[in-house]
Amino acid sequence: MHLAYRARYNEKQLEIRLLELGYYLHPVRLVPSLVTEWAQPMLIELKNRIKEYFFGRNRRSRRKEA
């Protein structure tokens, strides 16, 4: 009896996991998630390059003068 309950419990857990997977793979949720995953590193790199352009050159030119 215990094994039968355990088997039904495992089946229900599997069904829940499949429902969660379907929820996360739905195109309405998947596309914004992927765009966020890809866009965030690119925006961080762009921000770093802008900072380096404006603030990095000043530091370099001051080091050369000194």
PDB file of N, CA and C in Angstrom:
ATOM      1  N   MET A   1       0.830  -1.193   0.000  1.00  0.00           N
ATOM      2  CA  MET A   1       0.000   0.000   0.000  1.00  0.00           C
ATOM      3  C   MET A   1       0.873   1.256   0.000  1.00  0.00           C
ATOM      4  N   HIS A   2       1.905   1.228   0.826  1.00  0.00           N
ATOM      5  CA  HIS A   2       2.812   2.374   0.898  1.00  0.00           C
ATOM      6  C   HIS A   2       3.463   2.622  -0.457  1.00  0.00           C
ATOM      7  N   LEU A   3       3.876   1.568  -1.134  1.00  0.00           N
ATOM      8  CA  LEU A   3       4.509   1.734  -2.447  1.00  0.00           C
ATOM      9  C   LEU A   3       3.527   2.298  -3.476  1.00  0.00           C
ATOM     10  N   ALA A   4       2.278   1.927  -3.384  1.00  0.00           N
ATOM     11  CA  ALA A   4       1.282   2.450  -4.314  1.00  0.00           C
ATOM     12  C   ALA A   4       1.094   3.947  -4.107  1.00  0.00           C
ATOM     13  N   TYR A   5       1.021   4.372  -2.851  1.00  0.00           N
ATOM     14  CA  TYR A   5       0.917   5.801  -2.565  1.00  0.00           C
ATOM     15  C   TYR A   5       2.167   6.550  -3.017  1.00  0.00           C
ATOM     16  N   ARG A   6       3.302   5.940  -2.793  1.00  0.00           N
ATOM     17  CA  ARG A   6       4.573   6.561  -3.197  1.00  0.00           C
ATOM     18  C   ARG A   6       4.630   6.724  -4.716  1.00  0.00           C
ATOM     19  N   ALA A   7       4.158   5.709  -5.450  1.00  0.00           N
ATOM     20  CA  ALA A   7       4.153   5.772  -6.913  1.00  0.00           C
ATOM     21  C   ALA A   7       3.202   6.869  -7.394  1.00  0.00           C
ATOM     22  N   ARG A   8       2.035   6.972  -6.802  1.00  0.00           N
ATOM     23  CA  ARG A   8       1.092   8.024  -7.185  1.00  0.00           C
ATOM     24  C   ARG A   8       1.651   9.404  -6.852  1.00  0.00           C
ATOM     25  N   TYR A   9       2.319   9.517  -5.727  1.00  0.00           N
ATOM     26  CA  TYR A   9       2.944  10.777  -5.335  1.00  0.00           C
ATOM     27  C   TYR A   9       4.013  11.177  -6.355  1.00  0.00           C
ATOM     28  N   ASN A  10       4.839  10.234  -6.759  1.00  0.00           N
ATOM     29  CA  ASN A  10       5.880  10.523  -7.748  1.00  0.00           C
ATOM     30  C   ASN A  10       5.284  10.907  -9.093  1.00  0.00           C
ATOM     31  N   GLU A  11       4.181  10.249  -9.483  1.00  0.00           N
ATOM     32  CA  GLU A  11       3.517  10.608 -10.730  1.00  0.00           C
ATOM     33  C   GLU A  11       2.981  12.032 -10.670  1.00  0.00           C
ATOM     34  N   LYS A  12       2.393  12.396  -9.559  1.00  0.00           N
ATOM     35  CA  LYS A  12       1.863  13.752  -9.412  1.00  0.00           C
ATOM     36  C   LYS A  12       2.984  14.785  -9.435  1.00  0.00           C
ATOM     37  N   GLN A  13       4.110  14.470  -8.810  1.00  0.00           N
ATOM     38  CA  GLN A  13       5.249  15.387  -8.848  1.00  0.00           C
ATOM     39  C   GLN A  13       5.739  15.562 -10.282  1.00  0.00           C
ATOM     40  N   LEU A  14       5.786  14.473 -11.038  1.00  0.00           N
ATOM     41  CA  LEU A  14       6.201  14.539 -12.432  1.00  0.00           C
ATOM     42  C   LEU A  14       5.230  15.387 -13.246  1.00  0.00           C
ATOM     43  N   GLU A  15       3.937  15.210 -13.015  1.00  0.00           N
ATOM     44  CA  GLU A  15       2.949  16.028 -13.712  1.00  0.00           C
ATOM     45  C   GLU A  15       3.123  17.507 -13.384  1.00  0.00           C
ATOM     46  N   ILE A  16       3.385  17.814 -12.135  1.00  0.00           N
ATOM     47  CA  ILE A  16       3.598  19.206 -11.732  1.00  0.00           C
ATOM     48  C   ILE A  16       4.829  19.771 -12.426  1.00  0.00           C
ATOM     49  N   ARG A  17       5.904  18.995 -12.484  1.00  0.00           N
ATOM     50  CA  ARG A  17       7.126  19.463 -13.166  1.00  0.00           C
ATOM     51  C   ARG A  17       6.865  19.720 -14.647  1.00  0.00           C
ATOM     52  N   LEU A  18       6.090  18.840 -15.281  1.00  0.00           N
ATOM     53  CA  LEU A  18       5.772  19.037 -16.695  1.00  0.00           C
ATOM     54  C   LEU A  18       4.924  20.291 -16.897  1.00  0.00           C
ATOM     55  N   LEU A  19       3.985  20.538 -15.999  1.00  0.00           N
ATOM     56  CA  LEU A  19       3.185  21.762 -16.088  1.00  0.00           C
ATOM     57  C   LEU A  19       4.057  23.000 -15.906  1.00  0.00           C
ATOM     58  N   GLU A  20       4.995  22.954 -14.957  1.00  0.00           N
ATOM     59  CA  GLU A  20       5.902  24.089 -14.745  1.00  0.00           C
ATOM     60  C   GLU A  20       6.769  24.316 -15.979  1.00  0.00           C
ATOM     61  N   LEU A  21       7.257  23.233 -16.564  1.00  0.00           N
ATOM     62  CA  LEU A  21       8.087  23.346 -17.758  1.00  0.00           C
ATOM     63  C   LEU A  21       7.290  23.971 -18.901  1.00  0.00           C
ATOM     64  N   GLY A  22       6.051  23.518 -19.072  1.00  0.00           N
ATOM     65  CA  GLY A  22       5.187  24.109 -20.096  1.00  0.00           C
ATOM     66  C   GLY A  22       4.930  25.576 -19.840  1.00  0.00           C
ATOM     67  N   TYR A  23       4.794  25.944 -18.570  1.00  0.00           N
ATOM     68  CA  TYR A  23       4.584  27.343 -18.211  1.00  0.00           C
ATOM     69  C   TYR A  23       5.794  28.184 -18.605  1.00  0.00           C
ATOM     70  N   TYR A  24       6.985  27.707 -18.291  1.00  0.00           N
ATOM     71  CA  TYR A  24       8.182  28.484 -18.579  1.00  0.00           C
ATOM     72  C   TYR A  24       8.556  28.476 -20.052  1.00  0.00           C
ATOM     73  N   LEU A  25       8.161  27.452 -20.785  1.00  0.00           N
ATOM     74  CA  LEU A  25       8.494  27.388 -22.208  1.00  0.00           C
ATOM     75  C   LEU A  25       7.424  28.006 -23.100  1.00  0.00           C
ATOM     76  N   HIS A  26       6.379  28.549 -22.522  1.00  0.00           N
ATOM     77  CA  HIS A  26       5.352  29.217 -23.309  1.00  0.00           C
ATOM     78  C   HIS A  26       5.982  30.427 -23.997  1.00  0.00           C
ATOM     79  N   PRO A  27       5.744  30.608 -25.296  1.00  0.00           N
ATOM     80  CA  PRO A  27       6.408  31.698 -26.040  1.00  0.00           C
ATOM     81  C   PRO A  27       6.215  33.084 -25.437  1.00  0.00           C
ATOM     82  N   VAL A  28       5.069  33.333 -24.833  1.00  0.00           N
ATOM     83  CA  VAL A  28       4.815  34.650 -24.256  1.00  0.00           C
ATOM     84  C   VAL A  28       5.788  34.929 -23.111  1.00  0.00           C
ATOM     85  N   ARG A  29       6.184  33.903 -22.382  1.00  0.00           N
ATOM     86  CA  ARG A  29       7.112  34.083 -21.267  1.00  0.00           C
ATOM     87  C   ARG A  29       8.557  33.832 -21.681  1.00  0.00           C
ATOM     88  N   LEU A  30       8.755  32.966 -22.666  1.00  0.00           N
ATOM     89  CA  LEU A  30      10.101  32.565 -23.058  1.00  0.00           C
ATOM     90  C   LEU A  30      10.853  33.683 -23.776  1.00  0.00           C
ATOM     91  N   VAL A  31      10.202  34.348 -24.701  1.00  0.00           N
ATOM     92  CA  VAL A  31      10.881  35.379 -25.492  1.00  0.00           C
ATOM     93  C   VAL A  31      11.382  36.533 -24.628  1.00  0.00           C
ATOM     94  N   PRO A  32      10.560  37.134 -23.771  1.00  0.00           N
ATOM     95  CA  PRO A  32      11.101  38.211 -22.922  1.00  0.00           C
ATOM     96  C   PRO A  32      12.212  37.730 -21.995  1.00  0.00           C
ATOM     97  N   SER A  33      12.096  36.507 -21.534  1.00  0.00           N
ATOM     98  CA  SER A  33      13.126  35.957 -20.656  1.00  0.00           C
ATOM     99  C   SER A  33      14.453  35.828 -21.399  1.00  0.00           C
ATOM    100  N   LEU A  34      14.402  35.292 -22.617  1.00  0.00           N
ATOM    101  CA  LEU A  34      15.631  35.146 -23.401  1.00  0.00           C
ATOM    102  C   LEU A  34      16.218  36.495 -23.787  1.00  0.00           C
ATOM    103  N   VAL A  35      15.366  37.438 -24.148  1.00  0.00           N
ATOM    104  CA  VAL A  35      15.860  38.771 -24.506  1.00  0.00           C
ATOM    105  C   VAL A  35      16.550  39.408 -23.308  1.00  0.00           C
ATOM    106  N   THR A  36      15.964  39.248 -22.140  1.00  0.00           N
ATOM    107  CA  THR A  36      16.582  39.788 -20.925  1.00  0.00           C
ATOM    108  C   THR A  36      17.921  39.127 -20.666  1.00  0.00           C
ATOM    109  N   GLU A  37      17.986  37.815 -20.839  1.00  0.00           N
ATOM    110  CA  GLU A  37      19.239  37.083 -20.614  1.00  0.00           C
ATOM    111  C   GLU A  37      20.322  37.542 -21.575  1.00  0.00           C
ATOM    112  N   TRP A  38      19.964  37.811 -22.839  1.00  0.00           N
ATOM    113  CA  TRP A  38      20.957  38.208 -23.829  1.00  0.00           C
ATOM    114  C   TRP A  38      21.261  39.696 -23.760  1.00  0.00           C
ATOM    115  N   ALA A  39      20.246  40.502 -23.493  1.00  0.00           N
ATOM    116  CA  ALA A  39      20.432  41.951 -23.536  1.00  0.00           C
ATOM    117  C   ALA A  39      21.218  42.462 -22.338  1.00  0.00           C
ATOM    118  N   GLN A  40      21.033  41.868 -21.194  1.00  0.00           N
ATOM    119  CA  GLN A  40      21.689  42.366 -19.989  1.00  0.00           C
ATOM    120  C   GLN A  40      23.216  42.357 -20.115  1.00  0.00           C
ATOM    121  N   PRO A  41      23.861  41.264 -20.537  1.00  0.00           N
ATOM    122  CA  PRO A  41      25.325  41.321 -20.684  1.00  0.00           C
ATOM    123  C   PRO A  41      25.782  42.333 -21.735  1.00  0.00           C
ATOM    124  N   MET A  42      25.014  42.474 -22.821  1.00  0.00           N
ATOM    125  CA  MET A  42      25.394  43.443 -23.845  1.00  0.00           C
ATOM    126  C   MET A  42      25.290  44.867 -23.316  1.00  0.00           C
ATOM    127  N   LEU A  43      24.252  45.152 -22.534  1.00  0.00           N
ATOM    128  CA  LEU A  43      24.109  46.491 -21.968  1.00  0.00           C
ATOM    129  C   LEU A  43      25.202  46.782 -20.950  1.00  0.00           C
ATOM    130  N   ILE A  44      25.589  45.792 -20.181  1.00  0.00           N
ATOM    131  CA  ILE A  44      26.680  45.985 -19.214  1.00  0.00           C
ATOM    132  C   ILE A  44      27.980  46.273 -19.952  1.00  0.00           C
ATOM    133  N   GLU A  45      28.234  45.553 -21.030  1.00  0.00           N
ATOM    134  CA  GLU A  45      29.447  45.791 -21.816  1.00  0.00           C
ATOM    135  C   GLU A  45      29.422  47.178 -22.444  1.00  0.00           C
ATOM    136  N   LEU A  46      28.278  47.589 -22.963  1.00  0.00           N
ATOM    137  CA  LEU A  46      28.158  48.926 -23.540  1.00  0.00           C
ATOM    138  C   LEU A  46      28.409  49.995 -22.493  1.00  0.00           C
ATOM    139  N   LYS A  47      27.841  49.812 -21.298  1.00  0.00           N
ATOM    140  CA  LYS A  47      28.041  50.770 -20.215  1.00  0.00           C
ATOM    141  C   LYS A  47      29.516  50.862 -19.839  1.00  0.00           C
ATOM    142  N   ASN A  48      30.175  49.704 -19.759  1.00  0.00           N
ATOM    143  CA  ASN A  48      31.598  49.703 -19.417  1.00  0.00           C
ATOM    144  C   ASN A  48      32.435  50.395 -20.484  1.00  0.00           C
ATOM    145  N   ARG A  49      32.099  50.190 -21.737  1.00  0.00           N
ATOM    146  CA  ARG A  49      32.856  50.853 -22.816  1.00  0.00           C
ATOM    147  C   ARG A  49      32.649  52.361 -22.795  1.00  0.00           C
ATOM    148  N   ILE A  50      31.424  52.798 -22.510  1.00  0.00           N
ATOM    149  CA  ILE A  50      31.151  54.235 -22.422  1.00  0.00           C
ATOM    150  C   ILE A  50      31.923  54.838 -21.258  1.00  0.00           C
ATOM    151  N   LYS A  51      31.910  54.156 -20.116  1.00  0.00           N
ATOM    152  CA  LYS A  51      32.680  54.645 -18.963  1.00  0.00           C
ATOM    153  C   LYS A  51      34.155  54.726 -19.294  1.00  0.00           C
ATOM    154  N   GLU A  52      34.662  53.677 -19.942  1.00  0.00           N
ATOM    155  CA  GLU A  52      36.082  53.673 -20.289  1.00  0.00           C
ATOM    156  C   GLU A  52      36.399  54.790 -21.273  1.00  0.00           C
ATOM    157  N   TYR A  53      35.515  55.044 -22.210  1.00  0.00           N
ATOM    158  CA  TYR A  53      35.751  56.083 -23.193  1.00  0.00           C
ATOM    159  C   TYR A  53      35.827  57.452 -22.527  1.00  0.00           C
ATOM    160  N   PHE A  54      34.879  57.739 -21.629  1.00  0.00           N
ATOM    161  CA  PHE A  54      34.857  59.062 -21.020  1.00  0.00           C
ATOM    162  C   PHE A  54      35.829  59.205 -19.863  1.00  0.00           C
ATOM    163  N   PHE A  55      35.985  58.174 -19.072  1.00  0.00           N
ATOM    164  CA  PHE A  55      36.814  58.295 -17.875  1.00  0.00           C
ATOM    165  C   PHE A  55      38.172  57.619 -18.027  1.00  0.00           C
ATOM    166  N   GLY A  56      38.275  56.631 -18.874  1.00  0.00           N
ATOM    167  CA  GLY A  56      39.530  55.910 -19.050  1.00  0.00           C
ATOM    168  C   GLY A  56      40.582  56.734 -19.757  1.00  0.00           C
ATOM    169  N   ARG A  57      40.195  57.512 -20.750  1.00  0.00           N
ATOM    170  CA  ARG A  57      41.163  58.331 -21.496  1.00  0.00           C
ATOM    171  C   ARG A  57      41.736  59.443 -20.631  1.00  0.00           C
ATOM    172  N   ASN A  58      40.915  60.040 -19.769  1.00  0.00           N
ATOM    173  CA  ASN A  58      41.412  61.090 -18.887  1.00  0.00           C
ATOM    174  C   ASN A  58      42.498  60.545 -17.980  1.00  0.00           C
ATOM    175  N   ARG A  59      42.299  59.373 -17.467  1.00  0.00           N
ATOM    176  CA  ARG A  59      43.297  58.768 -16.587  1.00  0.00           C
ATOM    177  C   ARG A  59      44.578  58.484 -17.352  1.00  0.00           C
ATOM    178  N   ARG A  60      44.438  57.980 -18.589  1.00  0.00           N
ATOM    179  CA  ARG A  60      45.627  57.654 -19.387  1.00  0.00           C
ATOM    180  C   ARG A  60      46.414  58.920 -19.737  1.00  0.00           C
ATOM    181  N   SER A  61      45.683  59.982 -20.146  1.00  0.00           N
ATOM    182  CA  SER A  61      46.369  61.207 -20.548  1.00  0.00           C
ATOM    183  C   SER A  61      47.040  61.857 -19.319  1.00  0.00           C
ATOM    184  N   ARG A  62      46.445  61.749 -18.155  1.00  0.00           N
ATOM    185  CA  ARG A  62      47.050  62.319 -16.953  1.00  0.00           C
ATOM    186  C   ARG A  62      48.290  61.526 -16.577  1.00  0.00           C
ATOM    187  N   ARG A  63      48.257  60.226 -16.775  1.00  0.00           N
ATOM    188  CA  ARG A  63      49.452  59.414 -16.466  1.00  0.00           C
ATOM    189  C   ARG A  63      50.600  59.763 -17.399  1.00  0.00           C
ATOM    190  N   LYS A  64      50.303  60.029 -18.674  1.00  0.00           N
ATOM    191  CA  LYS A  64      51.353  60.357 -19.637  1.00  0.00           C
ATOM    192  C   LYS A  64      51.981  61.712 -19.320  1.00  0.00           C
ATOM    193  N   GLU A  65      51.154  62.678 -18.830  1.00  0.00           N
ATOM    194  CA  GLU A  65      51.659  64.014 -18.511  1.00  0.00           C
ATOM    195  C   GLU A  65      52.559  63.976 -17.279  1.00  0.00           C
ATOM    196  N   ALA A  66      52.273  63.114 -16.335  1.00  0.00           N
ATOM    197  CA  ALA A  66      53.014  63.094 -15.073  1.00  0.00           C
ATOM    198  C   ALA A  66      54.361  62.479 -15.188  1.00  0.00           C
TER     199      ALA A  66
END
